[in-house]
Amino acid sequence: MTEARASQTGSPLAGVLWMLATGLNFVMVTALVKIVGSRIPAAESAFLRYFLGLVFLVPMWRPLLAAPLPWPTLALFSARGLVHSLGVILWFYAMASIPMAEVTAINYLNPVFVTLGAALIFGEKLAARRLAAIAAALLGAFIILRPGLREVLPGHIAMLGTAVLFAASYLMANRLTALVRPVVVVAMLSITVTIGLAPFALVNWVPPTLAELGWLFGVAAFATAGHYSMTRAFASAPMTVTQPVTFLQLVWSVLIGAMFFAEPADIWVILGGGLIISAVSFITWREAVLKRRVTPVVNEPKI
């Protein structure tokens, strides 16, 4: 559904409410991963999340089996699965290593890397205003990390790598949606990532407890709910309306991190994250004006 049609048939208030629900779902994803902690290696936690989440693919089996999947398309699905698998491993590692708010704020860079990738790979033109927005977003990342003024941890580097890898995955998904139905793209991502994570998980397997399995199943459930609520948000209002709402995800991450994980609120993380989301919102608005869709919504589901 196009943004124009969504604005005609939906409700901006409903879109905002659905996007609020989306943000809460994804904050719950990060919180549950935080609860699981680092006893289970990141690759194993990621594998279990995807393996347990395969149950949510049951309604997709019929269109998946009916989809034509020639070898070039399967090769692209496999490449995306591998890239996404590496991104997921780094994300789980970052979640266990640095505060929730910092993971959320750095994750806002993903649409910026998508925009840069589209320019480098597909020849998308970057006007001066979009370049200025990208520069502002990168300045926001610099404010969050503050190299030289604070220690930049491996978790920060992992999260930057996550943003780059997820951007590559998104660009591949854009290509795949021109070849097969979107439901097939979603289903194949879950399948290929489960397969891609398996060898990494088996290298250093730690038997999970029933509680850890329960938390990771919760991660899969909330991520699936996030897919659904975001779809409803897009059907109700244009992204130019719903995109700014995603900033609240950072606010909730700060609150939950402070209340439940003893992670003190960092004004620099909030400032940097706000600068990034403002830049991404501007890019989204410009793409809406130009009637095209390159940049994904900030918290578009990736895990």
C-alpha atoms as a PDB file:
ATOM      1  CA  MET A   1       0.000   0.000   0.000  1.00  0.00           C
ATOM      2  CA  THR A   2       1.381   3.369  -0.913  1.00  0.00           C
ATOM      3  CA  GLU A   3       1.711   6.179   1.566  1.00  0.00           C
ATOM      4  CA  ALA A   4      -0.868   8.214  -0.302  1.00  0.00           C
ATOM      5  CA  ARG A   5      -3.451   5.485  -0.117  1.00  0.00           C
ATOM      6  CA  ALA A   6      -2.628   4.757   3.513  1.00  0.00           C
ATOM      7  CA  SER A   7      -3.302   8.359   4.423  1.00  0.00           C
ATOM      8  CA  GLN A   8      -6.654   8.190   2.663  1.00  0.00           C
ATOM      9  CA  THR A   9      -7.932   4.916   4.070  1.00  0.00           C
ATOM     10  CA  GLY A  10      -6.318   4.914   7.516  1.00  0.00           C
ATOM     11  CA  SER A  11      -6.054   7.144  10.538  1.00  0.00           C
ATOM     12  CA  PRO A  12      -2.927   9.063  11.557  1.00  0.00           C
ATOM     13  CA  LEU A  13      -3.815   8.512  15.225  1.00  0.00           C
ATOM     14  CA  ALA A  14      -4.160   4.772  14.641  1.00  0.00           C
ATOM     15  CA  GLY A  15      -0.806   4.768  12.845  1.00  0.00           C
ATOM     16  CA  VAL A  16       0.852   6.522  15.773  1.00  0.00           C
ATOM     17  CA  LEU A  17      -0.717   4.090  18.268  1.00  0.00           C
ATOM     18  CA  TRP A  18       0.344   1.064  16.239  1.00  0.00           C
ATOM     19  CA  MET A  19       3.871   2.477  16.001  1.00  0.00           C
ATOM     20  CA  LEU A  20       3.879   3.005  19.766  1.00  0.00           C
ATOM     21  CA  ALA A  21       2.987  -0.668  20.129  1.00  0.00           C
ATOM     22  CA  THR A  22       5.778  -1.532  17.687  1.00  0.00           C
ATOM     23  CA  GLY A  23       8.320   0.343  19.767  1.00  0.00           C
ATOM     24  CA  LEU A  24       7.167  -1.393  22.939  1.00  0.00           C
ATOM     25  CA  ASN A  25       7.427  -4.796  21.243  1.00  0.00           C
ATOM     26  CA  PHE A  26      11.014  -4.142  20.179  1.00  0.00           C
ATOM     27  CA  VAL A  27      11.986  -2.737  23.557  1.00  0.00           C
ATOM     28  CA  MET A  28      10.665  -5.966  25.077  1.00  0.00           C
ATOM     29  CA  VAL A  29      12.841  -7.896  22.622  1.00  0.00           C
ATOM     30  CA  THR A  30      15.948  -6.076  23.821  1.00  0.00           C
ATOM     31  CA  ALA A  31      14.928  -6.370  27.477  1.00  0.00           C
ATOM     32  CA  LEU A  32      14.407 -10.144  27.246  1.00  0.00           C
ATOM     33  CA  VAL A  33      17.761 -10.608  25.503  1.00  0.00           C
ATOM     34  CA  LYS A  34      19.289  -8.570  28.314  1.00  0.00           C
ATOM     35  CA  ILE A  35      17.667 -10.909  30.852  1.00  0.00           C
ATOM     36  CA  VAL A  36      19.124 -13.963  29.112  1.00  0.00           C
ATOM     37  CA  GLY A  37      22.544 -12.335  29.519  1.00  0.00           C
ATOM     38  CA  SER A  38      25.885 -13.700  28.414  1.00  0.00           C
ATOM     39  CA  ARG A  39      25.906 -17.190  29.990  1.00  0.00           C
ATOM     40  CA  ILE A  40      24.743 -18.535  26.635  1.00  0.00           C
ATOM     41  CA  PRO A  41      27.051 -17.476  23.768  1.00  0.00           C
ATOM     42  CA  ALA A  42      25.629 -14.835  21.448  1.00  0.00           C
ATOM     43  CA  ALA A  43      25.503 -17.169  18.431  1.00  0.00           C
ATOM     44  CA  GLU A  44      23.603 -19.824  20.400  1.00  0.00           C
ATOM     45  CA  SER A  45      21.109 -17.298  21.796  1.00  0.00           C
ATOM     46  CA  ALA A  46      20.509 -15.983  18.300  1.00  0.00           C
ATOM     47  CA  PHE A  47      20.064 -19.492  16.894  1.00  0.00           C
ATOM     48  CA  LEU A  48      17.582 -20.476  19.601  1.00  0.00           C
ATOM     49  CA  ARG A  49      15.588 -17.283  19.042  1.00  0.00           C
ATOM     50  CA  TYR A  50      15.218 -18.073  15.328  1.00  0.00           C
ATOM     51  CA  PHE A  51      14.725 -21.815  15.777  1.00  0.00           C
ATOM     52  CA  LEU A  52      11.957 -21.306  18.348  1.00  0.00           C
ATOM     53  CA  GLY A  53      10.427 -18.620  16.154  1.00  0.00           C
ATOM     54  CA  LEU A  54       9.932 -21.022  13.233  1.00  0.00           C
ATOM     55  CA  VAL A  55       6.570 -21.914  14.764  1.00  0.00           C
ATOM     56  CA  PHE A  56       5.296 -18.500  13.669  1.00  0.00           C
ATOM     57  CA  LEU A  57       6.003 -19.414  10.033  1.00  0.00           C
ATOM     58  CA  VAL A  58       3.283 -22.077   9.900  1.00  0.00           C
ATOM     59  CA  PRO A  59       0.761 -19.760   8.141  1.00  0.00           C
ATOM     60  CA  MET A  60       3.423 -18.963   5.526  1.00  0.00           C
ATOM     61  CA  TRP A  61       4.210 -22.515   4.423  1.00  0.00           C
ATOM     62  CA  ARG A  62       1.657 -22.647   1.597  1.00  0.00           C
ATOM     63  CA  PRO A  63       2.827 -19.498  -0.250  1.00  0.00           C
ATOM     64  CA  LEU A  64       6.430 -20.487   0.465  1.00  0.00           C
ATOM     65  CA  LEU A  65       6.057 -23.918  -1.130  1.00  0.00           C
ATOM     66  CA  ALA A  66       4.214 -22.409  -4.094  1.00  0.00           C
ATOM     67  CA  ALA A  67       6.858 -19.750  -4.756  1.00  0.00           C
ATOM     68  CA  PRO A  68       9.158 -20.189  -7.781  1.00  0.00           C
ATOM     69  CA  LEU A  69      12.712 -20.203  -6.432  1.00  0.00           C
ATOM     70  CA  PRO A  70      15.285 -20.590  -9.242  1.00  0.00           C
ATOM     71  CA  TRP A  71      18.930 -20.968  -8.292  1.00  0.00           C
ATOM     72  CA  PRO A  72      19.863 -17.261  -8.684  1.00  0.00           C
ATOM     73  CA  THR A  73      17.043 -16.310  -6.309  1.00  0.00           C
ATOM     74  CA  LEU A  74      18.037 -19.032  -3.844  1.00  0.00           C
ATOM     75  CA  ALA A  75      21.636 -17.817  -4.009  1.00  0.00           C
ATOM     76  CA  LEU A  76      20.509 -14.287  -3.136  1.00  0.00           C
ATOM     77  CA  PHE A  77      18.378 -15.635  -0.272  1.00  0.00           C
ATOM     78  CA  SER A  78      21.403 -17.586   0.989  1.00  0.00           C
ATOM     79  CA  ALA A  79      23.693 -14.559   0.784  1.00  0.00           C
ATOM     80  CA  ARG A  80      21.159 -12.476   2.677  1.00  0.00           C
ATOM     81  CA  GLY A  81      20.779 -15.216   5.290  1.00  0.00           C
ATOM     82  CA  LEU A  82      24.533 -15.307   5.895  1.00  0.00           C
ATOM     83  CA  VAL A  83      24.869 -11.512   6.131  1.00  0.00           C
ATOM     84  CA  HIS A  84      21.853 -11.275   8.432  1.00  0.00           C
ATOM     85  CA  SER A  85      23.144 -14.148  10.588  1.00  0.00           C
ATOM     86  CA  LEU A  86      26.403 -12.311  11.234  1.00  0.00           C
ATOM     87  CA  GLY A  87      24.461  -9.144  12.058  1.00  0.00           C
ATOM     88  CA  VAL A  88      22.221 -11.005  14.513  1.00  0.00           C
ATOM     89  CA  ILE A  89      25.229 -12.558  16.298  1.00  0.00           C
ATOM     90  CA  LEU A  90      26.811  -9.127  16.707  1.00  0.00           C
ATOM     91  CA  TRP A  91      23.481  -7.705  17.941  1.00  0.00           C
ATOM     92  CA  PHE A  92      23.109 -10.372  20.628  1.00  0.00           C
ATOM     93  CA  TYR A  93      26.728  -9.805  21.661  1.00  0.00           C
ATOM     94  CA  ALA A  94      26.179  -6.040  21.883  1.00  0.00           C
ATOM     95  CA  MET A  95      23.003  -6.511  23.942  1.00  0.00           C
ATOM     96  CA  ALA A  96      24.947  -8.517  26.524  1.00  0.00           C
ATOM     97  CA  SER A  97      27.854  -6.040  26.558  1.00  0.00           C
ATOM     98  CA  ILE A  98      26.562  -2.451  26.508  1.00  0.00           C
ATOM     99  CA  PRO A  99      23.479  -0.617  27.869  1.00  0.00           C
ATOM    100  CA  MET A 100      20.109  -1.039  26.147  1.00  0.00           C
ATOM    101  CA  ALA A 101      19.883   2.666  25.344  1.00  0.00           C
ATOM    102  CA  GLU A 102      23.202   2.601  23.490  1.00  0.00           C
ATOM    103  CA  VAL A 103      22.161  -0.441  21.453  1.00  0.00           C
ATOM    104  CA  THR A 104      18.909   1.298  20.518  1.00  0.00           C
ATOM    105  CA  ALA A 105      20.578   4.611  19.670  1.00  0.00           C
ATOM    106  CA  ILE A 106      23.301   3.070  17.491  1.00  0.00           C
ATOM    107  CA  ASN A 107      20.655   0.925  15.773  1.00  0.00           C
ATOM    108  CA  TYR A 108      19.106   4.158  14.476  1.00  0.00           C
ATOM    109  CA  LEU A 109      22.094   4.367  12.096  1.00  0.00           C
ATOM    110  CA  ASN A 110      20.804   1.425  10.051  1.00  0.00           C
ATOM    111  CA  PRO A 111      18.641   3.545   7.687  1.00  0.00           C
ATOM    112  CA  VAL A 112      21.581   5.892   7.142  1.00  0.00           C
ATOM    113  CA  PHE A 113      23.777   2.992   6.013  1.00  0.00           C
ATOM    114  CA  VAL A 114      20.928   1.804   3.758  1.00  0.00           C
ATOM    115  CA  THR A 115      20.809   5.232   2.116  1.00  0.00           C
ATOM    116  CA  LEU A 116      24.589   5.225   1.619  1.00  0.00           C
ATOM    117  CA  GLY A 117      24.494   1.665   0.289  1.00  0.00           C
ATOM    118  CA  ALA A 118      21.731   2.526  -2.176  1.00  0.00           C
ATOM    119  CA  ALA A 119      23.867   5.400  -3.462  1.00  0.00           C
ATOM    120  CA  LEU A 120      27.042   3.305  -3.778  1.00  0.00           C
ATOM    121  CA  ILE A 121      25.462   0.124  -5.178  1.00  0.00           C
ATOM    122  CA  PHE A 122      22.373   1.283  -7.083  1.00  0.00           C
ATOM    123  CA  GLY A 123      23.503   4.772  -8.065  1.00  0.00           C
ATOM    124  CA  GLU A 124      20.884   6.610  -5.969  1.00  0.00           C
ATOM    125  CA  LYS A 125      21.600  10.325  -6.095  1.00  0.00           C
ATOM    126  CA  LEU A 126      22.305  12.099  -2.810  1.00  0.00           C
ATOM    127  CA  ALA A 127      21.300  15.739  -2.904  1.00  0.00           C
ATOM    128  CA  ALA A 128      22.996  18.261  -0.628  1.00  0.00           C
ATOM    129  CA  ARG A 129      20.158  18.162   1.914  1.00  0.00           C
ATOM    130  CA  ARG A 130      20.303  14.379   2.210  1.00  0.00           C
ATOM    131  CA  LEU A 131      24.090  14.501   2.548  1.00  0.00           C
ATOM    132  CA  ALA A 132      23.676  17.055   5.341  1.00  0.00           C
ATOM    133  CA  ALA A 133      21.177  14.747   7.071  1.00  0.00           C
ATOM    134  CA  ILE A 134      23.588  11.815   6.797  1.00  0.00           C
ATOM    135  CA  ALA A 135      26.383  13.976   8.234  1.00  0.00           C
ATOM    136  CA  ALA A 136      24.090  14.933  11.122  1.00  0.00           C
ATOM    137  CA  ALA A 137      23.306  11.275  11.810  1.00  0.00           C
ATOM    138  CA  LEU A 138      27.001  10.370  11.843  1.00  0.00           C
ATOM    139  CA  LEU A 139      27.622  13.286  14.215  1.00  0.00           C
ATOM    140  CA  GLY A 140      24.932  11.769  16.439  1.00  0.00           C
ATOM    141  CA  ALA A 141      26.848   8.483  16.468  1.00  0.00           C
ATOM    142  CA  PHE A 142      30.034  10.370  17.362  1.00  0.00           C
ATOM    143  CA  ILE A 143      28.219  12.020  20.277  1.00  0.00           C
ATOM    144  CA  ILE A 144      27.042   8.612  21.526  1.00  0.00           C
ATOM    145  CA  LEU A 145      30.461   6.957  21.284  1.00  0.00           C
ATOM    146  CA  ARG A 146      32.593  10.001  22.195  1.00  0.00           C
ATOM    147  CA  PRO A 147      35.910   8.347  21.258  1.00  0.00           C
ATOM    148  CA  GLY A 148      38.778   9.731  23.314  1.00  0.00           C
ATOM    149  CA  LEU A 149      36.403  10.938  26.024  1.00  0.00           C
ATOM    150  CA  ARG A 150      35.147   7.499  27.040  1.00  0.00           C
ATOM    151  CA  GLU A 151      36.088   3.887  26.409  1.00  0.00           C
ATOM    152  CA  VAL A 152      34.709   2.496  23.162  1.00  0.00           C
ATOM    153  CA  LEU A 153      33.905  -1.117  24.026  1.00  0.00           C
ATOM    154  CA  PRO A 154      33.807  -4.145  21.714  1.00  0.00           C
ATOM    155  CA  GLY A 155      30.020  -4.050  22.128  1.00  0.00           C
ATOM    156  CA  HIS A 156      29.929  -0.611  20.505  1.00  0.00           C
ATOM    157  CA  ILE A 157      31.989  -1.852  17.555  1.00  0.00           C
ATOM    158  CA  ALA A 158      29.737  -4.911  17.302  1.00  0.00           C
ATOM    159  CA  MET A 159      26.642  -2.693  17.173  1.00  0.00           C
ATOM    160  CA  LEU A 160      28.137  -0.542  14.417  1.00  0.00           C
ATOM    161  CA  GLY A 161      28.870  -3.745  12.498  1.00  0.00           C
ATOM    162  CA  THR A 162      25.285  -4.848  13.105  1.00  0.00           C
ATOM    163  CA  ALA A 163      23.928  -1.642  11.569  1.00  0.00           C
ATOM    164  CA  VAL A 164      26.090  -2.097   8.459  1.00  0.00           C
ATOM    165  CA  LEU A 165      25.205  -5.785   8.024  1.00  0.00           C
ATOM    166  CA  PHE A 166      21.479  -5.187   8.525  1.00  0.00           C
ATOM    167  CA  ALA A 167      21.664  -2.386   5.940  1.00  0.00           C
ATOM    168  CA  ALA A 168      23.156  -4.860   3.451  1.00  0.00           C
ATOM    169  CA  SER A 169      20.407  -7.344   4.326  1.00  0.00           C
ATOM    170  CA  TYR A 170      17.733  -4.698   3.724  1.00  0.00           C
ATOM    171  CA  LEU A 171      19.151  -3.804   0.307  1.00  0.00           C
ATOM    172  CA  MET A 172      19.094  -7.486  -0.657  1.00  0.00           C
ATOM    173  CA  ALA A 173      15.495  -7.709   0.573  1.00  0.00           C
ATOM    174  CA  ASN A 174      14.540  -4.816  -1.697  1.00  0.00           C
ATOM    175  CA  ARG A 175      15.891  -6.797  -4.638  1.00  0.00           C
ATOM    176  CA  LEU A 176      14.116  -9.981  -3.529  1.00  0.00           C
ATOM    177  CA  THR A 177      10.706  -8.298  -3.194  1.00  0.00           C
ATOM    178  CA  ALA A 178      10.853  -7.687  -6.940  1.00  0.00           C
ATOM    179  CA  LEU A 179      11.268 -11.437  -7.502  1.00  0.00           C
ATOM    180  CA  VAL A 180       8.910 -13.087  -4.992  1.00  0.00           C
ATOM    181  CA  ARG A 181       6.032 -12.172  -2.686  1.00  0.00           C
ATOM    182  CA  PRO A 182       6.909 -10.278   0.522  1.00  0.00           C
ATOM    183  CA  VAL A 183       5.627 -13.131   2.704  1.00  0.00           C
ATOM    184  CA  VAL A 184       8.173 -15.426   1.030  1.00  0.00           C
ATOM    185  CA  VAL A 185      10.967 -12.914   1.724  1.00  0.00           C
ATOM    186  CA  VAL A 186      10.016 -12.871   5.424  1.00  0.00           C
ATOM    187  CA  ALA A 187       9.746 -16.662   5.682  1.00  0.00           C
ATOM    188  CA  MET A 188      12.986 -17.327   3.833  1.00  0.00           C
ATOM    189  CA  LEU A 189      14.871 -14.909   6.073  1.00  0.00           C
ATOM    190  CA  SER A 190      13.846 -16.878   9.165  1.00  0.00           C
ATOM    191  CA  ILE A 191      14.749 -20.187   7.535  1.00  0.00           C
ATOM    192  CA  THR A 192      18.118 -19.122   6.085  1.00  0.00           C
ATOM    193  CA  VAL A 193      19.163 -17.318   9.273  1.00  0.00           C
ATOM    194  CA  THR A 194      18.279 -20.368  11.388  1.00  0.00           C
ATOM    195  CA  ILE A 195      20.454 -22.503   9.096  1.00  0.00           C
ATOM    196  CA  GLY A 196      23.198 -19.871   8.967  1.00  0.00           C
ATOM    197  CA  LEU A 197      23.379 -19.549  12.756  1.00  0.00           C
ATOM    198  CA  ALA A 198      23.442 -23.309  13.446  1.00  0.00           C
ATOM    199  CA  PRO A 199      27.180 -23.933  12.824  1.00  0.00           C
ATOM    200  CA  PHE A 200      28.183 -20.871  14.860  1.00  0.00           C
ATOM    201  CA  ALA A 201      25.966 -22.037  17.723  1.00  0.00           C
ATOM    202  CA  LEU A 202      27.253 -25.625  17.693  1.00  0.00           C
ATOM    203  CA  VAL A 203      30.905 -24.554  17.928  1.00  0.00           C
ATOM    204  CA  ASN A 204      30.434 -23.535  21.566  1.00  0.00           C
ATOM    205  CA  TRP A 205      27.101 -25.017  22.668  1.00  0.00           C
ATOM    206  CA  VAL A 206      25.983 -24.410  26.263  1.00  0.00           C
ATOM    207  CA  PRO A 207      22.887 -26.378  27.345  1.00  0.00           C
ATOM    208  CA  PRO A 208      20.145 -23.772  27.972  1.00  0.00           C
ATOM    209  CA  THR A 209      17.839 -23.914  30.971  1.00  0.00           C
ATOM    210  CA  LEU A 210      14.062 -24.045  30.577  1.00  0.00           C
ATOM    211  CA  ALA A 211      13.880 -20.445  31.792  1.00  0.00           C
ATOM    212  CA  GLU A 212      16.368 -19.301  29.135  1.00  0.00           C
ATOM    213  CA  LEU A 213      14.402 -21.133  26.445  1.00  0.00           C
ATOM    214  CA  GLY A 214      11.259 -19.409  27.685  1.00  0.00           C
ATOM    215  CA  TRP A 215      12.870 -15.963  27.531  1.00  0.00           C
ATOM    216  CA  LEU A 216      14.168 -16.607  24.011  1.00  0.00           C
ATOM    217  CA  PHE A 217      10.756 -17.820  22.865  1.00  0.00           C
ATOM    218  CA  GLY A 218       9.438 -14.547  24.258  1.00  0.00           C
ATOM    219  CA  VAL A 219      11.991 -12.717  22.104  1.00  0.00           C
ATOM    220  CA  ALA A 220      10.614 -14.501  19.036  1.00  0.00           C
ATOM    221  CA  ALA A 221       7.015 -13.739  20.045  1.00  0.00           C
ATOM    222  CA  PHE A 222       7.615 -10.023  20.612  1.00  0.00           C
ATOM    223  CA  ALA A 223       9.621  -9.732  17.382  1.00  0.00           C
ATOM    224  CA  THR A 224       6.713 -11.332  15.483  1.00  0.00           C
ATOM    225  CA  ALA A 225       4.261  -8.989  17.202  1.00  0.00           C
ATOM    226  CA  GLY A 226       6.512  -6.117  16.127  1.00  0.00           C
ATOM    227  CA  HIS A 227       6.221  -7.216  12.497  1.00  0.00           C
ATOM    228  CA  TYR A 228       2.438  -7.237  12.799  1.00  0.00           C
ATOM    229  CA  SER A 229       2.031  -3.915  14.604  1.00  0.00           C
ATOM    230  CA  MET A 230       4.416  -2.179  12.211  1.00  0.00           C
ATOM    231  CA  THR A 231       2.433  -3.488   9.245  1.00  0.00           C
ATOM    232  CA  ARG A 232      -0.735  -2.077  10.823  1.00  0.00           C
ATOM    233  CA  ALA A 233       1.027   1.252  11.397  1.00  0.00           C
ATOM    234  CA  PHE A 234       2.042   1.464   7.735  1.00  0.00           C
ATOM    235  CA  ALA A 235      -1.533   0.635   6.683  1.00  0.00           C
ATOM    236  CA  SER A 236      -2.923   3.434   8.862  1.00  0.00           C
ATOM    237  CA  ALA A 237      -0.614   6.388   8.236  1.00  0.00           C
ATOM    238  CA  PRO A 238       2.366   7.460   6.118  1.00  0.00           C
ATOM    239  CA  MET A 239       5.874   6.891   7.450  1.00  0.00           C
ATOM    240  CA  THR A 240       6.332  10.648   7.679  1.00  0.00           C
ATOM    241  CA  VAL A 241       3.745  10.505  10.494  1.00  0.00           C
ATOM    242  CA  THR A 242       4.914   7.319  12.220  1.00  0.00           C
ATOM    243  CA  GLN A 243       8.703   7.687  11.852  1.00  0.00           C
ATOM    244  CA  PRO A 244       9.208  10.345  14.586  1.00  0.00           C
ATOM    245  CA  VAL A 245       7.331   8.110  17.045  1.00  0.00           C
ATOM    246  CA  THR A 246      10.224   5.665  16.924  1.00  0.00           C
ATOM    247  CA  PHE A 247      12.272   8.077  19.051  1.00  0.00           C
ATOM    248  CA  LEU A 248      10.186   6.934  22.036  1.00  0.00           C
ATOM    249  CA  GLN A 249      11.845   3.532  21.736  1.00  0.00           C
ATOM    250  CA  LEU A 250      15.060   5.166  22.937  1.00  0.00           C
ATOM    251  CA  VAL A 251      13.198   6.790  25.837  1.00  0.00           C
ATOM    252  CA  TRP A 252      11.724   3.441  26.874  1.00  0.00           C
ATOM    253  CA  SER A 253      15.113   1.766  26.570  1.00  0.00           C
ATOM    254  CA  VAL A 254      16.619   4.377  28.887  1.00  0.00           C
ATOM    255  CA  LEU A 255      13.806   3.924  31.432  1.00  0.00           C
ATOM    256  CA  ILE A 256      13.866   0.119  31.390  1.00  0.00           C
ATOM    257  CA  GLY A 257      17.663   0.043  31.518  1.00  0.00           C
ATOM    258  CA  ALA A 258      17.677   2.358  34.547  1.00  0.00           C
ATOM    259  CA  MET A 259      14.787   0.646  36.382  1.00  0.00           C
ATOM    260  CA  PHE A 260      15.611  -3.023  35.837  1.00  0.00           C
ATOM    261  CA  PHE A 261      19.266  -3.301  34.785  1.00  0.00           C
ATOM    262  CA  ALA A 262      20.953  -0.520  36.807  1.00  0.00           C
ATOM    263  CA  GLU A 263      22.037   1.270  33.634  1.00  0.00           C
ATOM    264  CA  PRO A 264      22.248   5.006  34.384  1.00  0.00           C
ATOM    265  CA  ALA A 265      20.627   7.376  31.903  1.00  0.00           C
ATOM    266  CA  ASP A 266      23.199   9.054  29.655  1.00  0.00           C
ATOM    267  CA  ILE A 267      22.152  12.452  28.318  1.00  0.00           C
ATOM    268  CA  TRP A 268      24.735  12.170  25.528  1.00  0.00           C
ATOM    269  CA  VAL A 269      23.166   8.934  24.269  1.00  0.00           C
ATOM    270  CA  ILE A 270      19.730  10.577  24.238  1.00  0.00           C
ATOM    271  CA  LEU A 271      21.123  13.665  22.479  1.00  0.00           C
ATOM    272  CA  GLY A 272      22.987  11.609  19.866  1.00  0.00           C
ATOM    273  CA  GLY A 273      20.023   9.297  19.313  1.00  0.00           C
ATOM    274  CA  GLY A 274      17.711  12.283  18.929  1.00  0.00           C
ATOM    275  CA  LEU A 275      20.022  13.799  16.330  1.00  0.00           C
ATOM    276  CA  ILE A 276      20.107  10.524  14.376  1.00  0.00           C
ATOM    277  CA  ILE A 277      16.330  10.029  14.415  1.00  0.00           C
ATOM    278  CA  SER A 278      15.816  13.664  13.350  1.00  0.00           C
ATOM    279  CA  ALA A 279      18.157  13.127  10.393  1.00  0.00           C
ATOM    280  CA  VAL A 280      16.472   9.857   9.419  1.00  0.00           C
ATOM    281  CA  SER A 281      13.024  11.452   9.703  1.00  0.00           C
ATOM    282  CA  PHE A 282      14.164  14.200   7.336  1.00  0.00           C
ATOM    283  CA  ILE A 283      15.460  11.637   4.826  1.00  0.00           C
ATOM    284  CA  THR A 284      12.145   9.754   5.076  1.00  0.00           C
ATOM    285  CA  TRP A 285      10.208  12.977   4.476  1.00  0.00           C
ATOM    286  CA  ARG A 286      12.322  13.797   1.421  1.00  0.00           C
ATOM    287  CA  GLU A 287      11.732  10.313  -0.008  1.00  0.00           C
ATOM    288  CA  ALA A 288       7.983  10.747   0.547  1.00  0.00           C
ATOM    289  CA  VAL A 289       8.122  14.057  -1.338  1.00  0.00           C
ATOM    290  CA  LEU A 290      10.035  12.366  -4.172  1.00  0.00           C
ATOM    291  CA  LYS A 291       7.565   9.405  -4.149  1.00  0.00           C
ATOM    292  CA  ARG A 292      10.146   6.699  -3.541  1.00  0.00           C
ATOM    293  CA  ARG A 293      11.105   4.302  -0.758  1.00  0.00           C
ATOM    294  CA  VAL A 294      14.761   3.675  -0.050  1.00  0.00           C
ATOM    295  CA  THR A 295      15.203   4.287   3.647  1.00  0.00           C
ATOM    296  CA  PRO A 296      13.574   1.761   6.013  1.00  0.00           C
ATOM    297  CA  VAL A 297      11.749   2.842   9.114  1.00  0.00           C
ATOM    298  CA  VAL A 298      14.204   3.220  12.005  1.00  0.00           C
ATOM    299  CA  ASN A 299      13.116   0.222  14.039  1.00  0.00           C
ATOM    300  CA  GLU A 300      12.034  -1.982  11.171  1.00  0.00           C
ATOM    301  CA  PRO A 301      12.243  -5.562  12.440  1.00  0.00           C
ATOM    302  CA  LYS A 302      15.625  -7.189  11.946  1.00  0.00           C
ATOM    303  CA  ILE A 303      15.718  -9.902  14.574  1.00  0.00           C
END
